[in-house]
Amino acid sequence: MFINKEMLRERVILEHSEFTNWENRIFIENRQLYNRTDQYDLFLSHSYLDKDLVYSLVNLFNKAGYSVYVDWMVDTQLDRSKVNADTADQLRTRMKMCKGLAYVSTTNITQSKWCPWELGYVDGNKNGRCAIMPVLETNAGSFTGQEYLGLYPYIDYAEVGNSNKYEFWVNDPSDKKKYVKLSDWLKGVDPHNH
C-alpha cells in the first residue's frame, strides 16, 4: 500500500498524545540505529514543507529497523534556502554515507530546489539505489509522478503476511509482480517475481 498523508497525520496525532517531545524521541531512535554501523540506510530526499509528515516517515522507518538521514534533523546548521557550494558539499558527504535514497514524492516536492539534484547525484553514485516513495493525499489515490520518476522503482509499505508486522518494499515500476524487501534492495538485490 502506498503511504498517504492521512495515515501520517494520524500517526502524528497518536505520537503526540502518547509521548511528550516525540520529535526528540524519533531523533534519538534514528541516531541509535545509525550508530550501529556509522552508515545511514536511506537519504530521505523531501520537501521541507512536508516536515511534519517526515517525522512520521522517519518513525515508520525506525520501527522497521532502518536509519534515515534527514538534513534538518542531523545537520541543523544547513540553510536549505541557500543553494551554495558548502551546502552541496555537506549533502554529498552525507549521501555517500547512505546505502540508498528515498525520494518522497508529495505535491510539495516540485517546489524543492534540492530534491532533483539529490536524486541525480545518488543515482549516478550509488549504482541506481534510488527509489520513489509516493505519499498520496488520501488512501484512495493512485500515483503518477513527473515523467522521469517512472524510471525508478517505488517504495510502498505493507504487512508481512498476516504477522501484524510491516515492512517497506521496493517495487519494479513496470511489473507489479516484481518486488523485494527494502533491506535486501539496499544490499543490491533487485525486485524479482513472486
N, C-alpha and C. Protein backbone atom coordinates (compact mmCIF):
# COMPACT_ATOMS: atom_id res chain seq x y z
N MET A 1 0.84 -1.18 0.00
CA MET A 1 0.00 0.00 0.00
C MET A 1 0.88 1.23 0.00
N PHE A 2 0.44 2.23 -0.73
CA PHE A 2 1.16 3.48 -0.71
C PHE A 2 0.87 4.19 0.61
N ILE A 3 1.86 4.88 1.11
CA ILE A 3 1.67 5.70 2.30
C ILE A 3 0.89 6.94 1.86
N ASN A 4 0.03 7.43 2.73
CA ASN A 4 -0.73 8.63 2.40
C ASN A 4 -0.66 9.63 3.54
N LYS A 5 -0.94 10.87 3.22
CA LYS A 5 -0.84 11.95 4.20
C LYS A 5 -1.79 11.76 5.36
N GLU A 6 -2.96 11.22 5.08
CA GLU A 6 -3.95 10.98 6.13
C GLU A 6 -3.38 10.03 7.19
N MET A 7 -2.77 8.94 6.74
CA MET A 7 -2.16 7.96 7.65
C MET A 7 -1.03 8.60 8.47
N LEU A 8 -0.19 9.37 7.81
CA LEU A 8 0.93 10.01 8.51
C LEU A 8 0.44 11.04 9.52
N ARG A 9 -0.58 11.80 9.17
CA ARG A 9 -1.14 12.79 10.11
C ARG A 9 -1.75 12.11 11.33
N GLU A 10 -2.42 10.97 11.10
CA GLU A 10 -2.97 10.21 12.22
C GLU A 10 -1.86 9.74 13.15
N ARG A 11 -0.74 9.33 12.58
CA ARG A 11 0.39 8.88 13.39
C ARG A 11 0.97 10.04 14.19
N VAL A 12 1.00 11.23 13.59
CA VAL A 12 1.48 12.41 14.31
C VAL A 12 0.60 12.67 15.52
N ILE A 13 -0.72 12.62 15.33
CA ILE A 13 -1.65 12.84 16.44
C ILE A 13 -1.47 11.78 17.51
N LEU A 14 -1.35 10.52 17.09
CA LEU A 14 -1.15 9.43 18.03
C LEU A 14 0.15 9.59 18.81
N GLU A 15 1.24 9.89 18.11
CA GLU A 15 2.53 10.06 18.76
C GLU A 15 2.50 11.22 19.75
N HIS A 16 1.87 12.33 19.34
CA HIS A 16 1.77 13.49 20.23
C HIS A 16 0.99 13.15 21.50
N SER A 17 -0.05 12.34 21.36
CA SER A 17 -0.87 12.02 22.53
C SER A 17 -0.18 11.02 23.46
N GLU A 18 0.66 10.15 22.90
CA GLU A 18 1.32 9.13 23.72
C GLU A 18 2.65 9.58 24.30
N PHE A 19 3.34 10.47 23.63
CA PHE A 19 4.68 10.86 24.06
C PHE A 19 4.82 12.37 24.08
N THR A 20 5.41 12.86 25.12
CA THR A 20 5.79 14.27 25.10
C THR A 20 7.15 14.34 24.42
N ASN A 21 7.38 15.39 23.69
CA ASN A 21 8.63 15.59 22.96
C ASN A 21 8.94 14.42 22.02
N TRP A 22 7.94 13.99 21.26
CA TRP A 22 8.10 12.83 20.39
C TRP A 22 9.11 13.07 19.28
N GLU A 23 9.28 14.32 18.83
CA GLU A 23 10.27 14.59 17.79
C GLU A 23 11.67 14.24 18.29
N ASN A 24 11.95 14.58 19.54
CA ASN A 24 13.26 14.28 20.12
C ASN A 24 13.45 12.77 20.25
N ARG A 25 12.39 12.05 20.63
CA ARG A 25 12.47 10.60 20.76
C ARG A 25 12.78 9.97 19.40
N ILE A 26 12.13 10.45 18.34
CA ILE A 26 12.38 9.93 16.99
C ILE A 26 13.83 10.20 16.59
N PHE A 27 14.32 11.41 16.86
CA PHE A 27 15.70 11.75 16.54
C PHE A 27 16.67 10.80 17.27
N ILE A 28 16.44 10.55 18.54
CA ILE A 28 17.32 9.68 19.33
C ILE A 28 17.28 8.25 18.80
N GLU A 29 16.08 7.72 18.51
CA GLU A 29 15.98 6.36 17.97
C GLU A 29 16.71 6.25 16.64
N ASN A 30 16.55 7.25 15.78
CA ASN A 30 17.20 7.23 14.49
C ASN A 30 18.73 7.27 14.65
N ARG A 31 19.19 8.08 15.57
CA ARG A 31 20.64 8.18 15.83
C ARG A 31 21.19 6.85 16.34
N GLN A 32 20.44 6.17 17.21
CA GLN A 32 20.88 4.87 17.73
C GLN A 32 21.00 3.84 16.60
N LEU A 33 20.06 3.85 15.66
CA LEU A 33 20.14 2.94 14.52
C LEU A 33 21.35 3.26 13.66
N TYR A 34 21.63 4.55 13.45
CA TYR A 34 22.80 4.97 12.68
C TYR A 34 24.09 4.52 13.37
N ASN A 35 24.15 4.67 14.67
CA ASN A 35 25.37 4.35 15.43
C ASN A 35 25.76 2.89 15.34
N ARG A 36 24.84 2.01 14.98
CA ARG A 36 25.17 0.59 14.85
C ARG A 36 26.20 0.34 13.75
N THR A 37 26.14 1.15 12.69
CA THR A 37 27.01 0.89 11.53
C THR A 37 27.76 2.12 11.04
N ASP A 38 27.51 3.27 11.60
CA ASP A 38 28.07 4.54 11.12
C ASP A 38 27.74 4.78 9.65
N GLN A 39 26.60 4.28 9.24
CA GLN A 39 26.10 4.49 7.88
C GLN A 39 24.57 4.53 7.95
N TYR A 40 24.00 5.46 7.21
CA TYR A 40 22.54 5.52 7.14
C TYR A 40 22.05 4.54 6.08
N ASP A 41 20.89 3.97 6.33
CA ASP A 41 20.28 3.13 5.30
C ASP A 41 19.79 3.98 4.14
N LEU A 42 19.10 5.08 4.46
CA LEU A 42 18.50 5.90 3.42
C LEU A 42 18.75 7.38 3.63
N PHE A 43 18.94 8.06 2.53
CA PHE A 43 18.92 9.52 2.48
C PHE A 43 17.49 9.87 2.08
N LEU A 44 16.80 10.61 2.92
CA LEU A 44 15.41 10.96 2.65
C LEU A 44 15.35 12.31 1.93
N SER A 45 15.14 12.26 0.62
CA SER A 45 15.03 13.45 -0.20
C SER A 45 13.57 13.89 -0.18
N HIS A 46 13.32 15.10 0.29
CA HIS A 46 11.94 15.54 0.53
C HIS A 46 11.84 17.05 0.51
N SER A 47 10.62 17.53 0.47
CA SER A 47 10.37 18.96 0.60
C SER A 47 10.26 19.32 2.08
N TYR A 48 10.93 20.38 2.47
CA TYR A 48 10.85 20.84 3.85
C TYR A 48 9.42 21.24 4.23
N LEU A 49 8.61 21.55 3.25
CA LEU A 49 7.21 21.88 3.51
C LEU A 49 6.45 20.69 4.10
N ASP A 50 7.01 19.50 3.95
CA ASP A 50 6.41 18.27 4.49
C ASP A 50 7.04 17.84 5.81
N LYS A 51 7.63 18.76 6.53
CA LYS A 51 8.38 18.46 7.75
C LYS A 51 7.59 17.58 8.72
N ASP A 52 6.34 17.91 9.01
CA ASP A 52 5.56 17.11 9.96
C ASP A 52 5.36 15.68 9.47
N LEU A 53 5.15 15.52 8.17
CA LEU A 53 4.99 14.18 7.61
C LEU A 53 6.31 13.41 7.66
N VAL A 54 7.41 14.11 7.49
CA VAL A 54 8.73 13.46 7.51
C VAL A 54 9.02 12.84 8.87
N TYR A 55 8.63 13.52 9.96
CA TYR A 55 8.81 12.91 11.29
C TYR A 55 8.11 11.55 11.35
N SER A 56 6.89 11.48 10.84
CA SER A 56 6.16 10.21 10.86
C SER A 56 6.83 9.17 9.98
N LEU A 57 7.34 9.59 8.81
CA LEU A 57 8.05 8.65 7.94
C LEU A 57 9.30 8.11 8.62
N VAL A 58 10.08 8.99 9.23
CA VAL A 58 11.29 8.55 9.93
C VAL A 58 10.90 7.56 11.03
N ASN A 59 9.84 7.84 11.74
CA ASN A 59 9.37 6.94 12.79
C ASN A 59 9.01 5.56 12.21
N LEU A 60 8.31 5.53 11.07
CA LEU A 60 7.98 4.25 10.43
C LEU A 60 9.25 3.50 10.01
N PHE A 61 10.19 4.21 9.40
CA PHE A 61 11.44 3.57 9.01
C PHE A 61 12.19 3.03 10.23
N ASN A 62 12.26 3.83 11.29
CA ASN A 62 12.95 3.39 12.51
C ASN A 62 12.30 2.14 13.09
N LYS A 63 10.97 2.11 13.14
CA LYS A 63 10.26 0.95 13.69
C LYS A 63 10.54 -0.31 12.86
N ALA A 64 10.83 -0.13 11.58
CA ALA A 64 11.16 -1.26 10.71
C ALA A 64 12.66 -1.59 10.74
N GLY A 65 13.43 -0.81 11.52
CA GLY A 65 14.86 -1.09 11.69
C GLY A 65 15.80 -0.33 10.77
N TYR A 66 15.31 0.69 10.08
CA TYR A 66 16.13 1.47 9.15
C TYR A 66 16.52 2.82 9.75
N SER A 67 17.77 3.21 9.52
CA SER A 67 18.21 4.56 9.90
C SER A 67 18.07 5.46 8.67
N VAL A 68 17.69 6.71 8.92
CA VAL A 68 17.37 7.63 7.83
C VAL A 68 18.08 8.95 8.06
N TYR A 69 18.76 9.44 7.01
CA TYR A 69 19.36 10.76 7.09
C TYR A 69 18.34 11.80 6.61
N VAL A 70 18.09 12.78 7.47
CA VAL A 70 17.24 13.93 7.14
C VAL A 70 18.07 15.16 7.48
N ASP A 71 18.35 15.98 6.48
CA ASP A 71 19.30 17.08 6.64
C ASP A 71 18.99 17.98 7.83
N TRP A 72 17.77 18.45 7.97
CA TRP A 72 17.44 19.39 9.04
C TRP A 72 17.38 18.74 10.41
N MET A 73 17.36 17.41 10.48
CA MET A 73 17.41 16.73 11.77
C MET A 73 18.86 16.52 12.22
N VAL A 74 19.73 16.24 11.26
CA VAL A 74 21.11 15.88 11.58
C VAL A 74 22.05 17.08 11.47
N ASP A 75 21.94 17.80 10.38
CA ASP A 75 22.83 18.94 10.12
C ASP A 75 22.03 20.24 10.25
N THR A 76 21.77 20.61 11.47
CA THR A 76 20.90 21.76 11.73
C THR A 76 21.50 23.09 11.26
N GLN A 77 22.79 23.11 11.01
CA GLN A 77 23.46 24.34 10.57
C GLN A 77 23.18 24.65 9.09
N LEU A 78 22.71 23.69 8.33
CA LEU A 78 22.46 23.91 6.91
C LEU A 78 21.29 24.85 6.69
N ASP A 79 21.42 25.71 5.71
CA ASP A 79 20.34 26.62 5.32
C ASP A 79 19.78 26.11 4.00
N ARG A 80 18.63 25.45 4.07
CA ARG A 80 18.04 24.83 2.88
C ARG A 80 17.67 25.84 1.81
N SER A 81 17.49 27.08 2.20
CA SER A 81 17.08 28.09 1.22
C SER A 81 18.24 28.57 0.35
N LYS A 82 19.46 28.27 0.76
CA LYS A 82 20.63 28.72 0.00
C LYS A 82 21.23 27.57 -0.81
N VAL A 83 21.25 27.78 -2.09
CA VAL A 83 21.90 26.81 -2.97
C VAL A 83 23.33 27.30 -3.14
N ASN A 84 24.26 26.67 -2.39
CA ASN A 84 25.65 27.10 -2.49
C ASN A 84 26.58 25.89 -2.37
N ALA A 85 27.86 26.11 -2.60
CA ALA A 85 28.84 25.03 -2.62
C ALA A 85 28.99 24.34 -1.27
N ASP A 86 28.93 25.10 -0.17
CA ASP A 86 29.10 24.50 1.16
C ASP A 86 27.97 23.52 1.46
N THR A 87 26.73 23.93 1.17
CA THR A 87 25.59 23.04 1.41
C THR A 87 25.70 21.81 0.50
N ALA A 88 26.05 22.02 -0.76
CA ALA A 88 26.18 20.90 -1.70
C ALA A 88 27.27 19.93 -1.23
N ASP A 89 28.40 20.43 -0.75
CA ASP A 89 29.47 19.56 -0.25
C ASP A 89 29.00 18.74 0.95
N GLN A 90 28.30 19.37 1.86
CA GLN A 90 27.80 18.66 3.04
C GLN A 90 26.80 17.57 2.63
N LEU A 91 25.91 17.90 1.71
CA LEU A 91 24.93 16.91 1.25
C LEU A 91 25.61 15.76 0.51
N ARG A 92 26.62 16.06 -0.30
CA ARG A 92 27.37 15.00 -0.99
C ARG A 92 28.01 14.05 0.02
N THR A 93 28.62 14.63 1.06
CA THR A 93 29.24 13.81 2.11
C THR A 93 28.21 12.89 2.75
N ARG A 94 27.06 13.44 3.07
CA ARG A 94 26.01 12.64 3.71
C ARG A 94 25.44 11.58 2.76
N MET A 95 25.27 11.93 1.49
CA MET A 95 24.74 10.95 0.54
C MET A 95 25.69 9.77 0.40
N LYS A 96 27.00 10.04 0.49
CA LYS A 96 27.99 8.95 0.43
C LYS A 96 27.90 8.04 1.65
N MET A 97 27.34 8.56 2.74
CA MET A 97 27.20 7.78 3.98
C MET A 97 25.91 6.96 4.00
N CYS A 98 25.14 7.00 2.92
CA CYS A 98 23.84 6.32 2.86
C CYS A 98 23.90 5.20 1.82
N LYS A 99 23.17 4.12 2.11
CA LYS A 99 23.13 2.99 1.18
C LYS A 99 22.24 3.27 -0.03
N GLY A 100 21.28 4.16 0.12
CA GLY A 100 20.37 4.47 -0.97
C GLY A 100 19.59 5.74 -0.67
N LEU A 101 18.69 6.09 -1.58
CA LEU A 101 17.90 7.31 -1.44
C LEU A 101 16.43 7.00 -1.66
N ALA A 102 15.60 7.57 -0.80
CA ALA A 102 14.14 7.54 -0.97
C ALA A 102 13.69 8.95 -1.29
N TYR A 103 13.11 9.13 -2.47
CA TYR A 103 12.62 10.43 -2.95
C TYR A 103 11.16 10.52 -2.57
N VAL A 104 10.86 11.29 -1.54
CA VAL A 104 9.50 11.39 -1.01
C VAL A 104 8.67 12.28 -1.92
N SER A 105 7.84 11.66 -2.73
CA SER A 105 7.07 12.38 -3.74
C SER A 105 5.72 12.80 -3.18
N THR A 106 5.59 14.11 -2.92
CA THR A 106 4.34 14.72 -2.49
C THR A 106 4.04 15.86 -3.46
N THR A 107 2.93 16.52 -3.25
CA THR A 107 2.62 17.67 -4.09
C THR A 107 3.60 18.80 -3.87
N ASN A 108 4.31 18.82 -2.75
CA ASN A 108 5.28 19.88 -2.45
C ASN A 108 6.65 19.67 -3.08
N ILE A 109 6.94 18.46 -3.54
CA ILE A 109 8.31 18.14 -3.99
C ILE A 109 8.73 19.00 -5.19
N THR A 110 7.78 19.41 -6.01
CA THR A 110 8.13 20.20 -7.19
C THR A 110 8.67 21.58 -6.82
N GLN A 111 8.46 22.01 -5.58
CA GLN A 111 8.96 23.31 -5.13
C GLN A 111 10.37 23.23 -4.56
N SER A 112 10.90 22.03 -4.44
CA SER A 112 12.22 21.85 -3.85
C SER A 112 13.33 22.21 -4.83
N LYS A 113 14.31 22.95 -4.33
CA LYS A 113 15.50 23.27 -5.13
C LYS A 113 16.48 22.10 -5.15
N TRP A 114 16.45 21.30 -4.10
CA TRP A 114 17.48 20.29 -3.90
C TRP A 114 17.11 18.89 -4.35
N CYS A 115 15.84 18.50 -4.26
CA CYS A 115 15.47 17.10 -4.47
C CYS A 115 15.86 16.53 -5.83
N PRO A 116 15.60 17.20 -6.95
CA PRO A 116 16.04 16.62 -8.23
C PRO A 116 17.56 16.44 -8.29
N TRP A 117 18.31 17.38 -7.74
CA TRP A 117 19.77 17.28 -7.70
C TRP A 117 20.20 16.08 -6.86
N GLU A 118 19.57 15.89 -5.69
CA GLU A 118 19.91 14.76 -4.81
C GLU A 118 19.64 13.43 -5.52
N LEU A 119 18.48 13.34 -6.17
CA LEU A 119 18.13 12.12 -6.89
C LEU A 119 19.16 11.81 -7.97
N GLY A 120 19.52 12.81 -8.76
CA GLY A 120 20.51 12.60 -9.81
C GLY A 120 21.89 12.24 -9.28
N TYR A 121 22.29 12.90 -8.19
CA TYR A 121 23.60 12.62 -7.62
C TYR A 121 23.70 11.18 -7.11
N VAL A 122 22.71 10.76 -6.34
CA VAL A 122 22.76 9.40 -5.79
C VAL A 122 22.60 8.37 -6.91
N ASP A 123 21.76 8.64 -7.88
CA ASP A 123 21.58 7.71 -8.99
C ASP A 123 22.90 7.47 -9.70
N GLY A 124 23.69 8.50 -9.87
CA GLY A 124 24.97 8.37 -10.55
C GLY A 124 26.09 7.80 -9.69
N ASN A 125 25.90 7.78 -8.38
CA ASN A 125 26.98 7.36 -7.48
C ASN A 125 26.68 6.17 -6.59
N LYS A 126 25.47 5.67 -6.60
CA LYS A 126 25.12 4.54 -5.74
C LYS A 126 24.52 3.38 -6.54
N ASN A 127 25.00 3.20 -7.75
CA ASN A 127 24.52 2.11 -8.61
C ASN A 127 23.00 2.07 -8.73
N GLY A 128 22.40 3.24 -8.83
CA GLY A 128 20.96 3.30 -9.04
C GLY A 128 20.12 2.97 -7.82
N ARG A 129 20.67 3.00 -6.66
CA ARG A 129 19.90 2.69 -5.44
C ARG A 129 19.08 3.90 -5.03
N CYS A 130 18.18 4.29 -5.93
CA CYS A 130 17.23 5.38 -5.70
C CYS A 130 15.85 4.81 -5.92
N ALA A 131 14.92 5.18 -5.07
CA ALA A 131 13.54 4.74 -5.24
C ALA A 131 12.62 5.90 -4.89
N ILE A 132 11.48 5.92 -5.54
CA ILE A 132 10.47 6.94 -5.31
C ILE A 132 9.55 6.44 -4.20
N MET A 133 9.25 7.31 -3.25
CA MET A 133 8.32 6.97 -2.19
C MET A 133 7.11 7.88 -2.30
N PRO A 134 6.08 7.42 -3.01
CA PRO A 134 4.90 8.26 -3.15
C PRO A 134 4.18 8.41 -1.80
N VAL A 135 3.81 9.64 -1.49
CA VAL A 135 2.96 9.91 -0.33
C VAL A 135 1.71 10.57 -0.91
N LEU A 136 0.65 9.78 -0.96
CA LEU A 136 -0.59 10.22 -1.60
C LEU A 136 -1.39 11.13 -0.67
N GLU A 137 -2.31 11.86 -1.25
CA GLU A 137 -3.18 12.75 -0.47
C GLU A 137 -4.13 11.94 0.41
N THR A 138 -4.70 10.87 -0.15
CA THR A 138 -5.65 10.04 0.60
C THR A 138 -5.33 8.58 0.35
N ASN A 139 -6.00 7.72 1.08
CA ASN A 139 -5.83 6.28 0.96
C ASN A 139 -6.35 5.77 -0.38
N ALA A 140 -7.25 6.50 -1.01
CA ALA A 140 -7.89 6.04 -2.23
C ALA A 140 -7.14 6.47 -3.49
N GLY A 141 -6.04 7.17 -3.35
CA GLY A 141 -5.36 7.71 -4.52
C GLY A 141 -4.47 6.72 -5.22
N SER A 142 -4.01 7.13 -6.40
CA SER A 142 -3.02 6.35 -7.14
C SER A 142 -1.87 7.29 -7.47
N PHE A 143 -0.72 6.72 -7.81
CA PHE A 143 0.47 7.53 -8.01
C PHE A 143 0.81 7.69 -9.48
N THR A 144 0.92 8.93 -9.91
CA THR A 144 1.51 9.26 -11.20
C THR A 144 2.37 10.49 -10.96
N GLY A 145 3.67 10.29 -10.93
CA GLY A 145 4.60 11.40 -10.67
C GLY A 145 5.08 12.02 -11.97
N GLN A 146 6.02 12.93 -11.84
CA GLN A 146 6.64 13.52 -13.03
C GLN A 146 7.23 12.41 -13.89
N GLU A 147 7.30 12.65 -15.19
CA GLU A 147 7.69 11.61 -16.12
C GLU A 147 8.93 10.83 -15.70
N TYR A 148 10.00 11.53 -15.34
CA TYR A 148 11.26 10.84 -15.05
C TYR A 148 11.19 9.98 -13.79
N LEU A 149 10.23 10.22 -12.92
CA LEU A 149 10.10 9.41 -11.71
C LEU A 149 9.70 7.98 -12.05
N GLY A 150 9.03 7.79 -13.17
CA GLY A 150 8.64 6.45 -13.58
C GLY A 150 9.81 5.56 -13.97
N LEU A 151 11.00 6.13 -14.08
CA LEU A 151 12.19 5.35 -14.38
C LEU A 151 12.70 4.57 -13.17
N TYR A 152 12.28 4.99 -12.00
CA TYR A 152 12.81 4.43 -10.75
C TYR A 152 11.82 3.46 -10.11
N PRO A 153 12.35 2.49 -9.35
CA PRO A 153 11.44 1.66 -8.56
C PRO A 153 10.75 2.53 -7.52
N TYR A 154 9.66 2.02 -6.97
CA TYR A 154 8.95 2.78 -5.94
C TYR A 154 8.84 1.96 -4.65
N ILE A 155 8.72 2.68 -3.56
CA ILE A 155 8.63 2.07 -2.23
C ILE A 155 7.19 2.13 -1.75
N ASP A 156 6.73 1.00 -1.22
CA ASP A 156 5.46 1.01 -0.52
C ASP A 156 5.65 0.32 0.83
N TYR A 157 4.59 0.25 1.59
CA TYR A 157 4.64 -0.20 2.98
C TYR A 157 3.49 -1.16 3.17
N ALA A 158 3.79 -2.39 3.56
CA ALA A 158 2.73 -3.39 3.67
C ALA A 158 3.05 -4.40 4.77
N GLU A 159 2.00 -5.04 5.21
CA GLU A 159 2.13 -6.07 6.23
C GLU A 159 2.85 -7.29 5.65
N VAL A 160 3.67 -7.92 6.46
CA VAL A 160 4.38 -9.13 6.05
C VAL A 160 3.46 -10.30 6.39
N GLY A 161 2.86 -10.89 5.35
CA GLY A 161 1.91 -11.98 5.58
C GLY A 161 0.78 -11.51 6.49
N ASN A 162 0.46 -12.30 7.47
CA ASN A 162 -0.54 -11.93 8.49
C ASN A 162 0.13 -11.75 9.84
N SER A 163 1.33 -11.21 9.82
CA SER A 163 2.16 -11.15 11.03
C SER A 163 1.90 -9.94 11.91
N ASN A 164 1.14 -8.97 11.42
CA ASN A 164 0.95 -7.69 12.12
C ASN A 164 2.25 -6.90 12.19
N LYS A 165 3.23 -7.30 11.37
CA LYS A 165 4.50 -6.59 11.24
C LYS A 165 4.54 -5.99 9.85
N TYR A 166 4.97 -4.73 9.77
CA TYR A 166 5.00 -4.04 8.49
C TYR A 166 6.43 -3.87 8.01
N GLU A 167 6.57 -3.82 6.69
CA GLU A 167 7.89 -3.70 6.06
C GLU A 167 7.78 -2.77 4.86
N PHE A 168 8.90 -2.19 4.50
CA PHE A 168 8.99 -1.40 3.28
C PHE A 168 9.44 -2.31 2.15
N TRP A 169 8.81 -2.13 0.98
CA TRP A 169 9.08 -2.95 -0.19
C TRP A 169 9.47 -2.06 -1.36
N VAL A 170 10.41 -2.53 -2.15
CA VAL A 170 10.81 -1.82 -3.36
C VAL A 170 10.22 -2.59 -4.54
N ASN A 171 9.50 -1.87 -5.39
CA ASN A 171 8.73 -2.47 -6.48
C ASN A 171 9.24 -2.02 -7.84
N ASP A 172 9.20 -2.94 -8.79
CA ASP A 172 9.53 -2.63 -10.17
C ASP A 172 8.37 -1.83 -10.76
N PRO A 173 8.62 -0.63 -11.30
CA PRO A 173 7.50 0.19 -11.80
C PRO A 173 6.82 -0.39 -13.05
N SER A 174 7.49 -1.29 -13.75
CA SER A 174 6.91 -1.84 -14.97
C SER A 174 6.29 -3.22 -14.79
N ASP A 175 6.48 -3.84 -13.61
CA ASP A 175 5.93 -5.18 -13.37
C ASP A 175 5.56 -5.32 -11.90
N LYS A 176 4.26 -5.29 -11.61
CA LYS A 176 3.78 -5.32 -10.22
C LYS A 176 4.07 -6.63 -9.50
N LYS A 177 4.46 -7.66 -10.24
CA LYS A 177 4.79 -8.94 -9.62
C LYS A 177 6.23 -8.98 -9.11
N LYS A 178 7.01 -7.95 -9.45
CA LYS A 178 8.41 -7.91 -9.04
C LYS A 178 8.59 -6.92 -7.89
N TYR A 179 9.06 -7.44 -6.76
CA TYR A 179 9.32 -6.61 -5.60
C TYR A 179 10.34 -7.30 -4.70
N VAL A 180 10.88 -6.53 -3.75
CA VAL A 180 11.88 -7.06 -2.83
C VAL A 180 11.83 -6.23 -1.55
N LYS A 181 12.19 -6.84 -0.44
CA LYS A 181 12.27 -6.08 0.82
C LYS A 181 13.30 -4.97 0.68
N LEU A 182 13.02 -3.84 1.28
CA LEU A 182 13.93 -2.71 1.22
C LEU A 182 15.32 -3.10 1.71
N SER A 183 15.41 -3.86 2.79
CA SER A 183 16.73 -4.24 3.32
C SER A 183 17.54 -5.03 2.30
N ASP A 184 16.89 -5.91 1.54
CA ASP A 184 17.60 -6.67 0.51
C ASP A 184 17.99 -5.77 -0.66
N TRP A 185 17.08 -4.87 -1.04
CA TRP A 185 17.37 -3.94 -2.14
C TRP A 185 18.59 -3.08 -1.82
N LEU A 186 18.70 -2.65 -0.57
CA LEU A 186 19.84 -1.83 -0.16
C LEU A 186 21.16 -2.63 -0.22
N LYS A 187 21.05 -3.96 -0.20
CA LYS A 187 22.23 -4.82 -0.33
C LYS A 187 22.53 -5.18 -1.78
N GLY A 188 21.71 -4.66 -2.72
CA GLY A 188 21.99 -4.90 -4.13
C GLY A 188 21.04 -5.86 -4.83
N VAL A 189 20.06 -6.40 -4.11
CA VAL A 189 19.10 -7.32 -4.72
C VAL A 189 18.01 -6.52 -5.43
N ASP A 190 17.78 -6.81 -6.70
CA ASP A 190 16.76 -6.11 -7.46
C ASP A 190 15.39 -6.77 -7.26
N PRO A 191 14.32 -6.01 -7.51
CA PRO A 191 12.99 -6.63 -7.44
C PRO A 191 12.90 -7.84 -8.36
N HIS A 192 12.23 -8.90 -7.89
CA HIS A 192 12.10 -10.11 -8.67
C HIS A 192 10.69 -10.67 -8.52
N ASN A 193 10.34 -11.62 -9.39
CA ASN A 193 9.00 -12.20 -9.40
C ASN A 193 8.67 -12.92 -8.10
N HIS A 194 7.41 -12.79 -7.70
CA HIS A 194 6.90 -13.50 -6.52
C HIS A 194 5.62 -14.20 -6.89
